[in-house]
Amino acid sequence: MPLTPEPGRRRYAASSPEAARAFLEEAYGSRLRMCAPAPPGAPYRLVHTDTGAFAGGEVDLPGRLHITSGPPGRLVVAVVRAGRAELRDGPDAYRLAAGQVFLGGRFGSARTARTEDIRLRTVAVPWALVRAAARQAGPLPAGGTVRFTGLLPLDAARADTWQRTAEFVHSTLLVPEAAASPLVCSGNRPGCWPRPP
């Protein structure tokens, strides 16, 4: 069973794909089916933190897996830390490797994945917050919906923006004890600009 060492954070490690599936399903609010054609030599390791506004964590799924998932309850921004995956979203197929970022939760979209020794860092954002940010960027189309046309950002600049956003949310909100570059600091602390004379 998952341990709860502090409010909002759960950690899990086990060799059972069924237990890992149940953990992921609860954490990301999506129905999952997992099959392990090549059982892993190491345990699945999962960390999930939920702050209310954001959620996410670390997903370490060794071995080979076939995963089918329904649309999640939140937009999931995932950064591939290691391993590889092939995602299918309707007629579209995506091959992912370390360093790539993808939107793992297109609204209303189910998908399949074949993974091998995949490690992900994830940040999940409620759809209401995504819609609010989109409204600030400009008027929404009729019906007020946000629509993503694919799982990958359109270009390297947008991929970098998604990745920096995910890393910022992860390091400052989900894992506050992690080393993060401060946006504002005072005094002459190391890493801060000195005050003007």
N, C-alpha and C. Protein backbone atom coordinates (compact mmCIF):
# COMPACT_ATOMS: atom_id res chain seq x y z
N MET A 1 0.84 -1.19 0.00
CA MET A 1 0.00 0.00 0.00
C MET A 1 0.88 1.25 0.00
N PRO A 2 0.40 2.33 -0.64
CA PRO A 2 1.19 3.57 -0.64
C PRO A 2 1.37 4.11 0.77
N LEU A 3 2.55 4.65 1.02
CA LEU A 3 2.84 5.29 2.30
C LEU A 3 2.51 6.76 2.19
N THR A 4 2.15 7.39 3.28
CA THR A 4 1.88 8.83 3.29
C THR A 4 2.79 9.50 4.31
N PRO A 5 4.05 9.83 3.92
CA PRO A 5 4.98 10.41 4.88
C PRO A 5 4.65 11.85 5.25
N GLU A 6 3.87 12.55 4.44
CA GLU A 6 3.50 13.92 4.75
C GLU A 6 2.21 14.24 4.00
N PRO A 7 1.46 15.24 4.44
CA PRO A 7 0.19 15.54 3.77
C PRO A 7 0.39 15.84 2.29
N GLY A 8 -0.43 15.23 1.45
CA GLY A 8 -0.38 15.51 0.03
C GLY A 8 0.63 14.71 -0.75
N ARG A 9 1.55 14.02 -0.11
CA ARG A 9 2.58 13.28 -0.85
C ARG A 9 2.48 11.80 -0.54
N ARG A 10 2.51 10.99 -1.60
CA ARG A 10 2.48 9.55 -1.45
C ARG A 10 3.63 8.95 -2.25
N ARG A 11 4.23 7.93 -1.68
CA ARG A 11 5.32 7.21 -2.36
C ARG A 11 4.93 5.75 -2.45
N TYR A 12 5.36 5.10 -3.54
CA TYR A 12 5.01 3.70 -3.71
C TYR A 12 6.14 2.99 -4.45
N ALA A 13 6.48 1.80 -4.01
CA ALA A 13 7.45 0.97 -4.71
C ALA A 13 7.00 -0.48 -4.57
N ALA A 14 6.84 -1.17 -5.70
CA ALA A 14 6.45 -2.59 -5.69
C ALA A 14 6.69 -3.18 -7.06
N SER A 15 6.68 -4.49 -7.13
CA SER A 15 6.92 -5.17 -8.41
C SER A 15 5.63 -5.53 -9.13
N SER A 16 4.48 -5.24 -8.55
CA SER A 16 3.20 -5.60 -9.15
C SER A 16 2.70 -4.54 -10.13
N PRO A 17 2.55 -4.89 -11.42
CA PRO A 17 2.01 -3.90 -12.35
C PRO A 17 0.57 -3.51 -12.00
N GLU A 18 -0.20 -4.43 -11.42
CA GLU A 18 -1.58 -4.11 -11.05
C GLU A 18 -1.61 -3.06 -9.95
N ALA A 19 -0.72 -3.16 -8.96
CA ALA A 19 -0.67 -2.18 -7.89
C ALA A 19 -0.20 -0.83 -8.42
N ALA A 20 0.79 -0.83 -9.34
CA ALA A 20 1.26 0.42 -9.94
C ALA A 20 0.14 1.05 -10.76
N ARG A 21 -0.61 0.24 -11.49
CA ARG A 21 -1.73 0.74 -12.27
C ARG A 21 -2.76 1.43 -11.38
N ALA A 22 -3.11 0.80 -10.26
CA ALA A 22 -4.10 1.38 -9.34
C ALA A 22 -3.60 2.72 -8.78
N PHE A 23 -2.32 2.78 -8.44
CA PHE A 23 -1.73 4.02 -7.91
C PHE A 23 -1.83 5.13 -8.94
N LEU A 24 -1.42 4.84 -10.19
CA LEU A 24 -1.44 5.84 -11.25
C LEU A 24 -2.86 6.29 -11.58
N GLU A 25 -3.77 5.34 -11.58
CA GLU A 25 -5.17 5.65 -11.88
C GLU A 25 -5.73 6.63 -10.85
N GLU A 26 -5.46 6.38 -9.59
CA GLU A 26 -5.94 7.28 -8.54
C GLU A 26 -5.24 8.63 -8.61
N ALA A 27 -3.93 8.61 -8.86
CA ALA A 27 -3.16 9.86 -8.85
C ALA A 27 -3.56 10.80 -9.99
N TYR A 28 -3.81 10.27 -11.19
CA TYR A 28 -4.04 11.12 -12.35
C TYR A 28 -5.51 11.16 -12.81
N GLY A 29 -6.38 10.42 -12.12
CA GLY A 29 -7.80 10.50 -12.42
C GLY A 29 -8.17 9.96 -13.79
N SER A 30 -7.48 8.92 -14.23
CA SER A 30 -7.74 8.35 -15.54
C SER A 30 -7.82 6.83 -15.43
N ARG A 31 -8.76 6.22 -16.13
CA ARG A 31 -8.85 4.76 -16.16
C ARG A 31 -7.68 4.21 -16.96
N LEU A 32 -6.98 3.21 -16.39
CA LEU A 32 -5.80 2.63 -17.04
C LEU A 32 -5.92 1.12 -17.17
N ARG A 33 -5.30 0.60 -18.20
CA ARG A 33 -5.09 -0.83 -18.33
C ARG A 33 -3.61 -1.02 -18.64
N MET A 34 -2.91 -1.87 -17.87
CA MET A 34 -1.48 -2.09 -18.06
C MET A 34 -1.19 -3.57 -18.23
N CYS A 35 -0.30 -3.85 -19.17
CA CYS A 35 0.16 -5.22 -19.40
C CYS A 35 1.68 -5.17 -19.43
N ALA A 36 2.33 -6.11 -18.74
CA ALA A 36 3.79 -6.14 -18.67
C ALA A 36 4.32 -7.36 -19.43
N PRO A 37 4.58 -7.22 -20.75
CA PRO A 37 5.10 -8.36 -21.50
C PRO A 37 6.51 -8.76 -21.09
N ALA A 38 7.26 -7.81 -20.54
CA ALA A 38 8.61 -8.10 -20.04
C ALA A 38 8.67 -7.60 -18.61
N PRO A 39 8.44 -8.48 -17.62
CA PRO A 39 8.44 -8.02 -16.22
C PRO A 39 9.76 -7.34 -15.85
N PRO A 40 9.66 -6.28 -15.07
CA PRO A 40 10.88 -5.53 -14.72
C PRO A 40 11.75 -6.28 -13.72
N GLY A 41 13.05 -6.00 -13.78
CA GLY A 41 13.97 -6.56 -12.79
C GLY A 41 14.04 -5.69 -11.55
N ALA A 42 13.50 -4.48 -11.64
CA ALA A 42 13.51 -3.54 -10.51
C ALA A 42 12.06 -3.16 -10.22
N PRO A 43 11.77 -2.68 -9.01
CA PRO A 43 10.38 -2.31 -8.69
C PRO A 43 9.94 -1.03 -9.40
N TYR A 44 8.64 -0.92 -9.59
CA TYR A 44 8.06 0.34 -10.04
C TYR A 44 8.17 1.31 -8.88
N ARG A 45 8.57 2.55 -9.17
CA ARG A 45 8.68 3.56 -8.13
C ARG A 45 7.86 4.77 -8.55
N LEU A 46 6.97 5.19 -7.67
CA LEU A 46 6.06 6.27 -7.98
C LEU A 46 5.99 7.24 -6.81
N VAL A 47 6.06 8.52 -7.10
CA VAL A 47 5.89 9.57 -6.10
C VAL A 47 4.83 10.50 -6.65
N HIS A 48 3.84 10.84 -5.81
CA HIS A 48 2.78 11.74 -6.26
C HIS A 48 2.51 12.75 -5.16
N THR A 49 2.47 14.02 -5.54
CA THR A 49 2.17 15.11 -4.61
C THR A 49 0.98 15.88 -5.16
N ASP A 50 0.01 16.17 -4.30
CA ASP A 50 -1.17 16.92 -4.71
C ASP A 50 -1.30 18.14 -3.80
N THR A 51 -1.19 19.34 -4.40
CA THR A 51 -1.31 20.57 -3.62
C THR A 51 -2.71 21.16 -3.71
N GLY A 52 -3.56 20.55 -4.52
CA GLY A 52 -4.89 21.10 -4.75
C GLY A 52 -4.91 21.81 -6.09
N ALA A 53 -4.09 22.86 -6.25
CA ALA A 53 -4.04 23.58 -7.52
C ALA A 53 -3.25 22.80 -8.56
N PHE A 54 -2.17 22.15 -8.13
CA PHE A 54 -1.33 21.37 -9.03
C PHE A 54 -1.10 20.00 -8.39
N ALA A 55 -0.72 19.06 -9.22
CA ALA A 55 -0.32 17.75 -8.73
C ALA A 55 0.76 17.23 -9.66
N GLY A 56 1.43 16.17 -9.26
CA GLY A 56 2.43 15.58 -10.14
C GLY A 56 3.47 14.85 -9.33
N GLY A 57 4.54 14.48 -9.99
CA GLY A 57 5.60 13.77 -9.29
C GLY A 57 6.53 13.05 -10.23
N GLU A 58 7.01 11.90 -9.76
CA GLU A 58 7.97 11.09 -10.49
C GLU A 58 7.34 9.73 -10.77
N VAL A 59 7.50 9.25 -11.99
CA VAL A 59 6.98 7.95 -12.41
C VAL A 59 8.14 7.16 -12.98
N ASP A 60 8.48 6.03 -12.35
CA ASP A 60 9.58 5.18 -12.80
C ASP A 60 9.00 3.79 -13.07
N LEU A 61 8.85 3.47 -14.36
CA LEU A 61 8.25 2.20 -14.77
C LEU A 61 9.27 1.38 -15.56
N PRO A 62 10.09 0.57 -14.86
CA PRO A 62 11.09 -0.23 -15.56
C PRO A 62 10.45 -1.37 -16.36
N GLY A 63 11.23 -1.95 -17.24
CA GLY A 63 10.74 -3.04 -18.08
C GLY A 63 9.92 -2.50 -19.23
N ARG A 64 9.19 -3.39 -19.90
CA ARG A 64 8.33 -3.00 -21.01
C ARG A 64 6.88 -3.09 -20.58
N LEU A 65 6.10 -2.07 -20.93
CA LEU A 65 4.68 -2.03 -20.60
C LEU A 65 3.86 -1.63 -21.81
N HIS A 66 2.63 -2.15 -21.88
CA HIS A 66 1.61 -1.67 -22.81
C HIS A 66 0.53 -1.04 -21.94
N ILE A 67 0.22 0.22 -22.20
CA ILE A 67 -0.72 0.97 -21.36
C ILE A 67 -1.82 1.55 -22.24
N THR A 68 -3.05 1.41 -21.81
CA THR A 68 -4.19 2.08 -22.44
C THR A 68 -4.82 2.96 -21.37
N SER A 69 -5.05 4.22 -21.70
CA SER A 69 -5.62 5.13 -20.70
C SER A 69 -6.71 5.99 -21.30
N GLY A 70 -7.69 6.29 -20.47
CA GLY A 70 -8.74 7.21 -20.85
C GLY A 70 -8.27 8.63 -20.61
N PRO A 71 -9.10 9.61 -20.95
CA PRO A 71 -8.70 11.00 -20.73
C PRO A 71 -8.59 11.31 -19.24
N PRO A 72 -7.50 11.94 -18.80
CA PRO A 72 -7.34 12.26 -17.38
C PRO A 72 -8.20 13.45 -16.98
N GLY A 73 -8.34 13.62 -15.68
CA GLY A 73 -9.12 14.73 -15.15
C GLY A 73 -8.39 16.06 -15.19
N ARG A 74 -7.10 16.03 -15.53
CA ARG A 74 -6.28 17.25 -15.58
C ARG A 74 -5.38 17.19 -16.81
N LEU A 75 -4.85 18.34 -17.20
CA LEU A 75 -3.82 18.37 -18.23
C LEU A 75 -2.52 17.92 -17.59
N VAL A 76 -1.88 16.90 -18.14
CA VAL A 76 -0.64 16.37 -17.58
C VAL A 76 0.51 16.75 -18.51
N VAL A 77 1.45 17.53 -17.99
CA VAL A 77 2.67 17.87 -18.72
C VAL A 77 3.74 16.90 -18.22
N ALA A 78 4.31 16.11 -19.12
CA ALA A 78 5.28 15.09 -18.73
C ALA A 78 6.61 15.34 -19.43
N VAL A 79 7.69 15.24 -18.67
CA VAL A 79 9.05 15.36 -19.19
C VAL A 79 9.68 13.97 -19.10
N VAL A 80 10.17 13.46 -20.22
CA VAL A 80 10.81 12.14 -20.24
C VAL A 80 12.22 12.30 -19.67
N ARG A 81 12.48 11.62 -18.56
CA ARG A 81 13.80 11.70 -17.91
C ARG A 81 14.74 10.60 -18.39
N ALA A 82 14.18 9.44 -18.75
CA ALA A 82 14.98 8.31 -19.25
C ALA A 82 14.04 7.34 -19.93
N GLY A 83 14.61 6.43 -20.71
CA GLY A 83 13.82 5.42 -21.38
C GLY A 83 13.19 5.94 -22.65
N ARG A 84 12.21 5.18 -23.13
CA ARG A 84 11.54 5.61 -24.35
C ARG A 84 10.09 5.12 -24.35
N ALA A 85 9.30 5.76 -25.21
CA ALA A 85 7.89 5.41 -25.30
C ALA A 85 7.39 5.68 -26.70
N GLU A 86 6.39 4.92 -27.10
CA GLU A 86 5.65 5.21 -28.32
C GLU A 86 4.19 5.41 -27.91
N LEU A 87 3.69 6.62 -28.15
CA LEU A 87 2.31 6.96 -27.80
C LEU A 87 1.46 6.99 -29.06
N ARG A 88 0.24 6.51 -28.94
CA ARG A 88 -0.74 6.61 -30.02
C ARG A 88 -1.95 7.34 -29.48
N ASP A 89 -2.35 8.37 -30.19
CA ASP A 89 -3.50 9.19 -29.82
C ASP A 89 -4.36 9.29 -31.07
N GLY A 90 -5.38 8.42 -31.17
CA GLY A 90 -6.15 8.35 -32.41
C GLY A 90 -5.24 7.90 -33.53
N PRO A 91 -5.24 8.59 -34.67
CA PRO A 91 -4.38 8.18 -35.79
C PRO A 91 -2.92 8.64 -35.64
N ASP A 92 -2.64 9.47 -34.65
CA ASP A 92 -1.29 10.03 -34.50
C ASP A 92 -0.41 9.15 -33.62
N ALA A 93 0.86 8.99 -34.03
CA ALA A 93 1.84 8.23 -33.25
C ALA A 93 3.02 9.13 -32.94
N TYR A 94 3.57 8.98 -31.73
CA TYR A 94 4.69 9.81 -31.28
C TYR A 94 5.74 8.90 -30.66
N ARG A 95 6.99 9.08 -31.04
CA ARG A 95 8.11 8.38 -30.41
C ARG A 95 8.81 9.35 -29.49
N LEU A 96 8.96 8.96 -28.23
CA LEU A 96 9.52 9.86 -27.22
C LEU A 96 10.78 9.26 -26.62
N ALA A 97 11.75 10.12 -26.33
CA ALA A 97 13.00 9.71 -25.69
C ALA A 97 13.36 10.75 -24.63
N ALA A 98 14.43 10.48 -23.90
CA ALA A 98 14.86 11.37 -22.81
C ALA A 98 15.02 12.80 -23.31
N GLY A 99 14.52 13.74 -22.50
CA GLY A 99 14.63 15.15 -22.81
C GLY A 99 13.40 15.74 -23.48
N GLN A 100 12.48 14.89 -23.94
CA GLN A 100 11.29 15.41 -24.61
C GLN A 100 10.17 15.68 -23.61
N VAL A 101 9.31 16.61 -23.98
CA VAL A 101 8.15 16.95 -23.16
C VAL A 101 6.90 16.67 -24.00
N PHE A 102 5.85 16.19 -23.35
CA PHE A 102 4.60 15.96 -24.06
C PHE A 102 3.43 16.27 -23.13
N LEU A 103 2.29 16.52 -23.74
CA LEU A 103 1.06 16.80 -23.00
C LEU A 103 0.30 15.49 -22.90
N GLY A 104 0.39 14.85 -21.75
CA GLY A 104 -0.17 13.52 -21.60
C GLY A 104 -1.64 13.51 -21.32
N GLY A 105 -2.34 14.61 -21.41
CA GLY A 105 -3.75 14.60 -21.07
C GLY A 105 -4.59 15.49 -21.94
N ARG A 106 -4.57 15.27 -23.23
CA ARG A 106 -5.45 16.06 -24.08
C ARG A 106 -6.89 15.84 -23.66
N PHE A 107 -7.63 16.90 -23.57
CA PHE A 107 -9.01 16.82 -23.08
C PHE A 107 -9.84 15.91 -23.98
N GLY A 108 -10.53 14.95 -23.35
CA GLY A 108 -11.44 14.07 -24.07
C GLY A 108 -10.78 13.03 -24.93
N SER A 109 -9.48 12.83 -24.78
CA SER A 109 -8.76 11.94 -25.68
C SER A 109 -8.21 10.73 -24.92
N ALA A 110 -8.48 9.52 -25.44
CA ALA A 110 -7.88 8.30 -24.90
C ALA A 110 -6.63 7.99 -25.73
N ARG A 111 -5.70 7.24 -25.16
CA ARG A 111 -4.47 6.95 -25.88
C ARG A 111 -3.86 5.64 -25.41
N THR A 112 -2.90 5.14 -26.19
CA THR A 112 -2.17 3.93 -25.83
C THR A 112 -0.68 4.25 -25.82
N ALA A 113 0.07 3.47 -25.07
CA ALA A 113 1.52 3.68 -25.00
C ALA A 113 2.23 2.34 -24.86
N ARG A 114 3.37 2.25 -25.50
CA ARG A 114 4.30 1.14 -25.28
C ARG A 114 5.56 1.79 -24.73
N THR A 115 5.94 1.39 -23.53
CA THR A 115 7.08 2.02 -22.87
C THR A 115 8.18 1.01 -22.59
N GLU A 116 9.38 1.53 -22.49
CA GLU A 116 10.53 0.70 -22.11
C GLU A 116 11.40 1.50 -21.15
N ASP A 117 11.48 1.00 -19.91
CA ASP A 117 12.30 1.64 -18.87
C ASP A 117 12.05 3.14 -18.79
N ILE A 118 10.78 3.52 -18.79
CA ILE A 118 10.44 4.94 -18.84
C ILE A 118 10.49 5.57 -17.45
N ARG A 119 11.06 6.78 -17.41
CA ARG A 119 11.03 7.61 -16.20
C ARG A 119 10.51 8.97 -16.60
N LEU A 120 9.47 9.41 -15.89
CA LEU A 120 8.84 10.69 -16.21
C LEU A 120 8.80 11.59 -14.98
N ARG A 121 8.83 12.88 -15.23
CA ARG A 121 8.49 13.88 -14.21
C ARG A 121 7.21 14.53 -14.71
N THR A 122 6.18 14.58 -13.88
CA THR A 122 4.89 15.08 -14.33
C THR A 122 4.40 16.24 -13.49
N VAL A 123 3.61 17.09 -14.13
CA VAL A 123 2.87 18.15 -13.45
C VAL A 123 1.46 18.11 -14.03
N ALA A 124 0.46 18.01 -13.18
CA ALA A 124 -0.93 17.96 -13.61
C ALA A 124 -1.63 19.26 -13.22
N VAL A 125 -2.29 19.86 -14.20
CA VAL A 125 -2.93 21.17 -14.02
C VAL A 125 -4.44 21.01 -14.24
N PRO A 126 -5.27 21.49 -13.32
CA PRO A 126 -6.72 21.39 -13.52
C PRO A 126 -7.15 22.12 -14.80
N TRP A 127 -8.15 21.55 -15.49
CA TRP A 127 -8.62 22.17 -16.73
C TRP A 127 -9.15 23.58 -16.50
N ALA A 128 -9.73 23.85 -15.35
CA ALA A 128 -10.24 25.20 -15.07
C ALA A 128 -9.09 26.22 -15.09
N LEU A 129 -7.93 25.84 -14.57
CA LEU A 129 -6.78 26.73 -14.58
C LEU A 129 -6.23 26.90 -16.00
N VAL A 130 -6.23 25.83 -16.79
CA VAL A 130 -5.80 25.91 -18.20
C VAL A 130 -6.70 26.88 -18.96
N ARG A 131 -8.02 26.76 -18.75
CA ARG A 131 -8.96 27.67 -19.43
C ARG A 131 -8.76 29.12 -18.98
N ALA A 132 -8.52 29.33 -17.69
CA ALA A 132 -8.29 30.69 -17.18
C ALA A 132 -7.04 31.30 -17.82
N ALA A 133 -5.97 30.52 -17.92
CA ALA A 133 -4.74 31.02 -18.55
C ALA A 133 -4.96 31.31 -20.03
N ALA A 134 -5.74 30.44 -20.70
CA ALA A 134 -6.02 30.66 -22.12
C ALA A 134 -6.83 31.93 -22.33
N ARG A 135 -7.79 32.19 -21.43
CA ARG A 135 -8.60 33.41 -21.53
C ARG A 135 -7.73 34.66 -21.39
N GLN A 136 -6.71 34.59 -20.53
CA GLN A 136 -5.82 35.74 -20.36
C GLN A 136 -4.98 35.97 -21.61
N ALA A 137 -4.70 34.89 -22.36
CA ALA A 137 -3.89 35.01 -23.57
C ALA A 137 -4.69 35.56 -24.75
N GLY A 138 -6.01 35.44 -24.69
CA GLY A 138 -6.85 35.92 -25.78
C GLY A 138 -8.22 35.30 -25.71
N PRO A 139 -9.13 35.74 -26.55
CA PRO A 139 -10.49 35.20 -26.50
C PRO A 139 -10.52 33.72 -26.90
N LEU A 140 -11.36 32.96 -26.20
CA LEU A 140 -11.54 31.55 -26.52
C LEU A 140 -12.58 31.42 -27.62
N PRO A 141 -12.51 30.33 -28.40
CA PRO A 141 -13.55 30.11 -29.42
C PRO A 141 -14.91 29.88 -28.76
N ALA A 142 -15.94 29.88 -29.56
CA ALA A 142 -17.31 29.66 -29.05
C ALA A 142 -17.34 28.38 -28.23
N GLY A 143 -18.02 28.42 -27.10
CA GLY A 143 -18.08 27.26 -26.22
C GLY A 143 -17.05 27.31 -25.12
N GLY A 144 -16.05 28.19 -25.24
CA GLY A 144 -15.06 28.37 -24.19
C GLY A 144 -14.17 27.17 -23.92
N THR A 145 -13.89 26.36 -24.93
CA THR A 145 -13.05 25.18 -24.71
C THR A 145 -11.62 25.44 -25.16
N VAL A 146 -10.70 24.71 -24.52
CA VAL A 146 -9.30 24.75 -24.90
C VAL A 146 -9.05 23.47 -25.69
N ARG A 147 -8.42 23.59 -26.84
CA ARG A 147 -8.20 22.42 -27.68
C ARG A 147 -6.73 22.32 -28.05
N PHE A 148 -6.12 21.17 -27.75
CA PHE A 148 -4.76 20.89 -28.19
C PHE A 148 -4.83 20.01 -29.42
N THR A 149 -4.03 20.30 -30.42
CA THR A 149 -4.10 19.54 -31.67
C THR A 149 -3.17 18.33 -31.68
N GLY A 150 -2.32 18.18 -30.69
CA GLY A 150 -1.42 17.04 -30.62
C GLY A 150 -0.81 16.93 -29.24
N LEU A 151 -0.06 15.86 -29.04
CA LEU A 151 0.56 15.64 -27.73
C LEU A 151 1.90 16.36 -27.59
N LEU A 152 2.52 16.72 -28.71
CA LEU A 152 3.83 17.39 -28.65
C LEU A 152 3.68 18.88 -28.92
N PRO A 153 4.51 19.71 -28.28
CA PRO A 153 4.53 21.13 -28.61
C PRO A 153 4.90 21.32 -30.09
N LEU A 154 4.47 22.45 -30.67
CA LEU A 154 4.66 22.68 -32.11
C LEU A 154 6.12 22.84 -32.52
N ASP A 155 6.94 23.39 -31.63
CA ASP A 155 8.34 23.62 -31.98
C ASP A 155 9.20 23.59 -30.72
N ALA A 156 10.52 23.73 -30.92
CA ALA A 156 11.48 23.63 -29.81
C ALA A 156 11.27 24.74 -28.78
N ALA A 157 10.91 25.94 -29.23
CA ALA A 157 10.70 27.05 -28.29
C ALA A 157 9.51 26.77 -27.37
N ARG A 158 8.42 26.27 -27.94
CA ARG A 158 7.26 25.95 -27.11
C ARG A 158 7.53 24.75 -26.20
N ALA A 159 8.28 23.78 -26.71
CA ALA A 159 8.66 22.63 -25.87
C ALA A 159 9.48 23.10 -24.68
N ASP A 160 10.40 24.04 -24.93
CA ASP A 160 11.22 24.58 -23.85
C ASP A 160 10.37 25.32 -22.82
N THR A 161 9.37 26.08 -23.28
CA THR A 161 8.48 26.79 -22.36
C THR A 161 7.70 25.80 -21.49
N TRP A 162 7.12 24.75 -22.10
CA TRP A 162 6.39 23.74 -21.33
C TRP A 162 7.31 23.07 -20.32
N GLN A 163 8.53 22.72 -20.76
CA GLN A 163 9.46 22.02 -19.86
C GLN A 163 9.89 22.92 -18.70
N ARG A 164 10.22 24.19 -18.98
CA ARG A 164 10.61 25.10 -17.90
C ARG A 164 9.45 25.32 -16.94
N THR A 165 8.24 25.42 -17.47
CA THR A 165 7.06 25.59 -16.61
C THR A 165 6.87 24.37 -15.71
N ALA A 166 6.97 23.19 -16.29
CA ALA A 166 6.82 21.95 -15.51
C ALA A 166 7.90 21.83 -14.44
N GLU A 167 9.14 22.14 -14.80
CA GLU A 167 10.24 22.05 -13.84
C GLU A 167 10.06 23.06 -12.71
N PHE A 168 9.59 24.28 -13.05
CA PHE A 168 9.37 25.30 -12.03
C PHE A 168 8.28 24.86 -11.05
N VAL A 169 7.14 24.39 -11.59
CA VAL A 169 6.05 23.95 -10.72
C VAL A 169 6.53 22.78 -9.86
N HIS A 170 7.24 21.85 -10.46
CA HIS A 170 7.71 20.68 -9.71
C HIS A 170 8.65 21.08 -8.59
N SER A 171 9.64 21.92 -8.88
CA SER A 171 10.66 22.23 -7.88
C SER A 171 10.20 23.24 -6.83
N THR A 172 9.24 24.10 -7.15
CA THR A 172 8.82 25.10 -6.16
C THR A 172 7.55 24.74 -5.42
N LEU A 173 6.63 24.01 -6.06
CA LEU A 173 5.37 23.69 -5.41
C LEU A 173 5.27 22.24 -4.97
N LEU A 174 5.74 21.32 -5.81
CA LEU A 174 5.56 19.91 -5.50
C LEU A 174 6.68 19.34 -4.63
N VAL A 175 7.90 19.82 -4.83
CA VAL A 175 9.03 19.34 -4.03
C VAL A 175 9.80 20.57 -3.55
N PRO A 176 9.24 21.32 -2.60
CA PRO A 176 9.86 22.59 -2.21
C PRO A 176 11.25 22.46 -1.62
N GLU A 177 11.60 21.25 -1.11
CA GLU A 177 12.96 21.11 -0.56
C GLU A 177 14.01 20.92 -1.65
N ALA A 178 13.56 20.75 -2.93
CA ALA A 178 14.51 20.61 -4.03
C ALA A 178 15.17 21.95 -4.31
N ALA A 179 16.39 21.88 -4.84
CA ALA A 179 17.10 23.10 -5.17
C ALA A 179 16.42 23.77 -6.35
N ALA A 180 16.03 25.01 -6.18
CA ALA A 180 15.39 25.77 -7.26
C ALA A 180 15.98 27.16 -7.27
N SER A 181 16.14 27.72 -8.46
CA SER A 181 16.66 29.07 -8.57
C SER A 181 15.60 30.05 -8.09
N PRO A 182 15.92 30.91 -7.14
CA PRO A 182 14.91 31.86 -6.67
C PRO A 182 14.63 32.92 -7.72
N LEU A 183 13.38 33.34 -7.79
CA LEU A 183 13.02 34.44 -8.68
C LEU A 183 13.26 35.78 -8.00
N VAL A 184 13.10 35.81 -6.67
CA VAL A 184 13.31 37.03 -5.90
C VAL A 184 14.08 36.66 -4.64
N CYS A 185 15.11 37.39 -4.29
CA CYS A 185 15.80 37.17 -3.03
C CYS A 185 16.34 38.51 -2.55
N SER A 186 16.64 38.59 -1.27
CA SER A 186 17.09 39.86 -0.73
C SER A 186 18.45 39.69 -0.08
N GLY A 187 19.13 40.79 0.11
CA GLY A 187 20.43 40.75 0.76
C GLY A 187 21.51 40.29 -0.19
N ASN A 188 22.65 39.93 0.40
CA ASN A 188 23.80 39.49 -0.39
C ASN A 188 24.03 38.00 -0.25
N ARG A 189 22.94 37.22 -0.23
CA ARG A 189 23.07 35.77 -0.14
C ARG A 189 23.74 35.24 -1.39
N PRO A 190 24.43 34.08 -1.29
CA PRO A 190 25.02 33.49 -2.49
C PRO A 190 23.96 33.25 -3.55
N GLY A 191 24.30 33.59 -4.79
CA GLY A 191 23.35 33.40 -5.88
C GLY A 191 22.47 34.61 -6.13
N CYS A 192 22.53 35.62 -5.27
CA CYS A 192 21.73 36.83 -5.44
C CYS A 192 22.61 37.96 -5.95
N TRP A 193 21.98 38.84 -6.71
CA TRP A 193 22.71 40.02 -7.14
C TRP A 193 22.96 40.91 -5.93
N PRO A 194 24.13 41.52 -5.81
CA PRO A 194 24.34 42.43 -4.68
C PRO A 194 23.43 43.66 -4.80
N ARG A 195 23.07 44.17 -3.64
CA ARG A 195 22.26 45.39 -3.64
C ARG A 195 23.06 46.54 -4.20
N PRO A 196 22.40 47.47 -4.89
CA PRO A 196 23.14 48.63 -5.38
C PRO A 196 23.64 49.48 -4.22
N PRO A 197 24.80 50.14 -4.38
CA PRO A 197 25.34 50.97 -3.29
C PRO A 197 24.46 52.16 -2.99
